[in-house]
Amino acid sequence: MKKGVLKTILLIILLVLAVVLGQIIGTACAGIHFLSWLGAAADFGLSTTELNLSILKITFGIRLGINAAQSILALAAVIAVIVIKVKE
């Protein structure tokens, strides 16, 4: 495999891990006074919109919720991919 493909796969894996672990850490630290800022979250997105064509009904919508722990771990994942050297 080429270096670019391996780095892309590594980036995707690390970002998925960052999102999952960030959610767990943010939820776990929500009750701790001095770590509660890790659970602070922001929600972005579009509300659902429905397209009704009589024989076909399609619903569109997207929502993204990210907390501070997820953003810190995602940044660390990107930096790790930049620093890691991949051999061919």
Protein backbone atom coordinates (compact mmCIF):
# COMPACT_ATOMS: atom_id res chain seq x y z
CA MET A 1 0.00 0.00 0.00
CA LYS A 2 1.08 3.55 -0.54
CA LYS A 3 2.00 5.88 2.30
CA GLY A 4 -0.94 8.17 1.59
CA VAL A 5 -3.50 5.39 1.87
CA LEU A 6 -2.01 4.13 5.14
CA LYS A 7 -1.94 7.63 6.62
CA THR A 8 -5.56 8.19 5.58
CA ILE A 9 -6.67 4.92 7.19
CA LEU A 10 -4.70 5.79 10.33
CA LEU A 11 -6.30 9.23 10.45
CA ILE A 12 -9.82 7.81 10.12
CA ILE A 13 -9.20 5.22 12.84
CA LEU A 14 -7.70 7.78 15.22
CA LEU A 15 -10.51 10.27 14.61
CA VAL A 16 -13.17 7.64 15.30
CA LEU A 17 -11.37 6.68 18.51
CA ALA A 18 -11.07 10.36 19.46
CA VAL A 19 -14.80 10.93 19.00
CA VAL A 20 -15.80 7.84 21.00
CA LEU A 21 -13.29 8.36 23.82
CA GLY A 22 -14.04 12.09 23.92
CA GLN A 23 -17.74 11.39 24.42
CA ILE A 24 -16.97 8.92 27.22
CA ILE A 25 -14.54 11.31 28.92
CA GLY A 26 -16.88 14.28 28.55
CA THR A 27 -19.78 12.36 30.05
CA ALA A 28 -17.68 10.92 32.89
CA CYS A 29 -16.20 14.31 33.82
CA ALA A 30 -19.52 16.18 33.79
CA GLY A 31 -20.04 15.61 37.53
CA ILE A 32 -16.49 16.59 38.59
CA HIS A 33 -16.29 20.29 39.46
CA PHE A 34 -12.86 21.17 38.03
CA LEU A 35 -13.21 18.91 34.95
CA SER A 36 -16.80 19.76 34.02
CA TRP A 37 -15.60 21.99 31.17
CA LEU A 38 -14.61 18.84 29.23
CA GLY A 39 -18.29 18.00 28.89
CA ALA A 40 -19.29 21.41 27.53
CA ALA A 41 -20.90 20.71 24.17
CA ALA A 42 -22.16 22.59 21.14
CA ASP A 43 -24.78 21.33 18.68
CA PHE A 44 -24.80 22.34 15.03
CA GLY A 45 -27.01 21.23 12.21
CA LEU A 46 -30.07 21.52 10.06
CA SER A 47 -33.52 20.62 11.25
CA THR A 48 -35.32 17.86 9.43
CA THR A 49 -37.00 18.78 6.16
CA GLU A 50 -39.42 16.51 4.40
CA LEU A 51 -39.84 16.19 0.64
CA ASN A 52 -43.16 14.54 -0.19
CA LEU A 53 -43.54 13.51 -3.84
CA SER A 54 -46.75 11.54 -3.37
CA ILE A 55 -45.14 8.17 -4.12
CA LEU A 56 -41.83 8.93 -2.43
CA LYS A 57 -41.20 10.64 0.88
CA ILE A 58 -37.64 11.76 1.70
CA THR A 59 -36.50 13.35 4.95
CA PHE A 60 -33.28 15.36 5.13
CA GLY A 61 -31.48 16.50 8.27
CA ILE A 62 -28.12 16.49 9.99
CA ARG A 63 -26.95 17.27 13.50
CA LEU A 64 -23.42 17.40 14.87
CA GLY A 65 -22.77 17.53 18.59
CA ILE A 66 -19.19 17.92 19.79
CA ASN A 67 -17.79 18.51 23.26
CA ALA A 68 -14.47 19.94 24.45
CA ALA A 69 -12.90 16.54 25.12
CA GLN A 70 -13.72 15.34 21.60
CA SER A 71 -12.20 18.42 20.00
CA ILE A 72 -9.00 18.11 22.07
CA LEU A 73 -8.62 14.41 21.21
CA ALA A 74 -9.38 15.05 17.51
CA LEU A 75 -6.65 17.70 17.42
CA ALA A 76 -4.26 15.26 19.11
CA ALA A 77 -5.17 12.59 16.50
CA VAL A 78 -4.38 14.95 13.62
CA ILE A 79 -1.06 15.93 15.20
CA ALA A 80 -0.23 12.25 15.81
CA VAL A 81 -0.84 11.39 12.14
CA ILE A 82 1.43 14.24 11.08
CA VAL A 83 4.21 13.11 13.44
CA ILE A 84 4.00 9.33 12.79
CA LYS A 85 6.28 8.07 10.05
CA VAL A 86 4.74 5.29 7.94
CA LYS A 87 7.07 2.80 6.21
CA GLU A 88 6.09 1.35 2.84
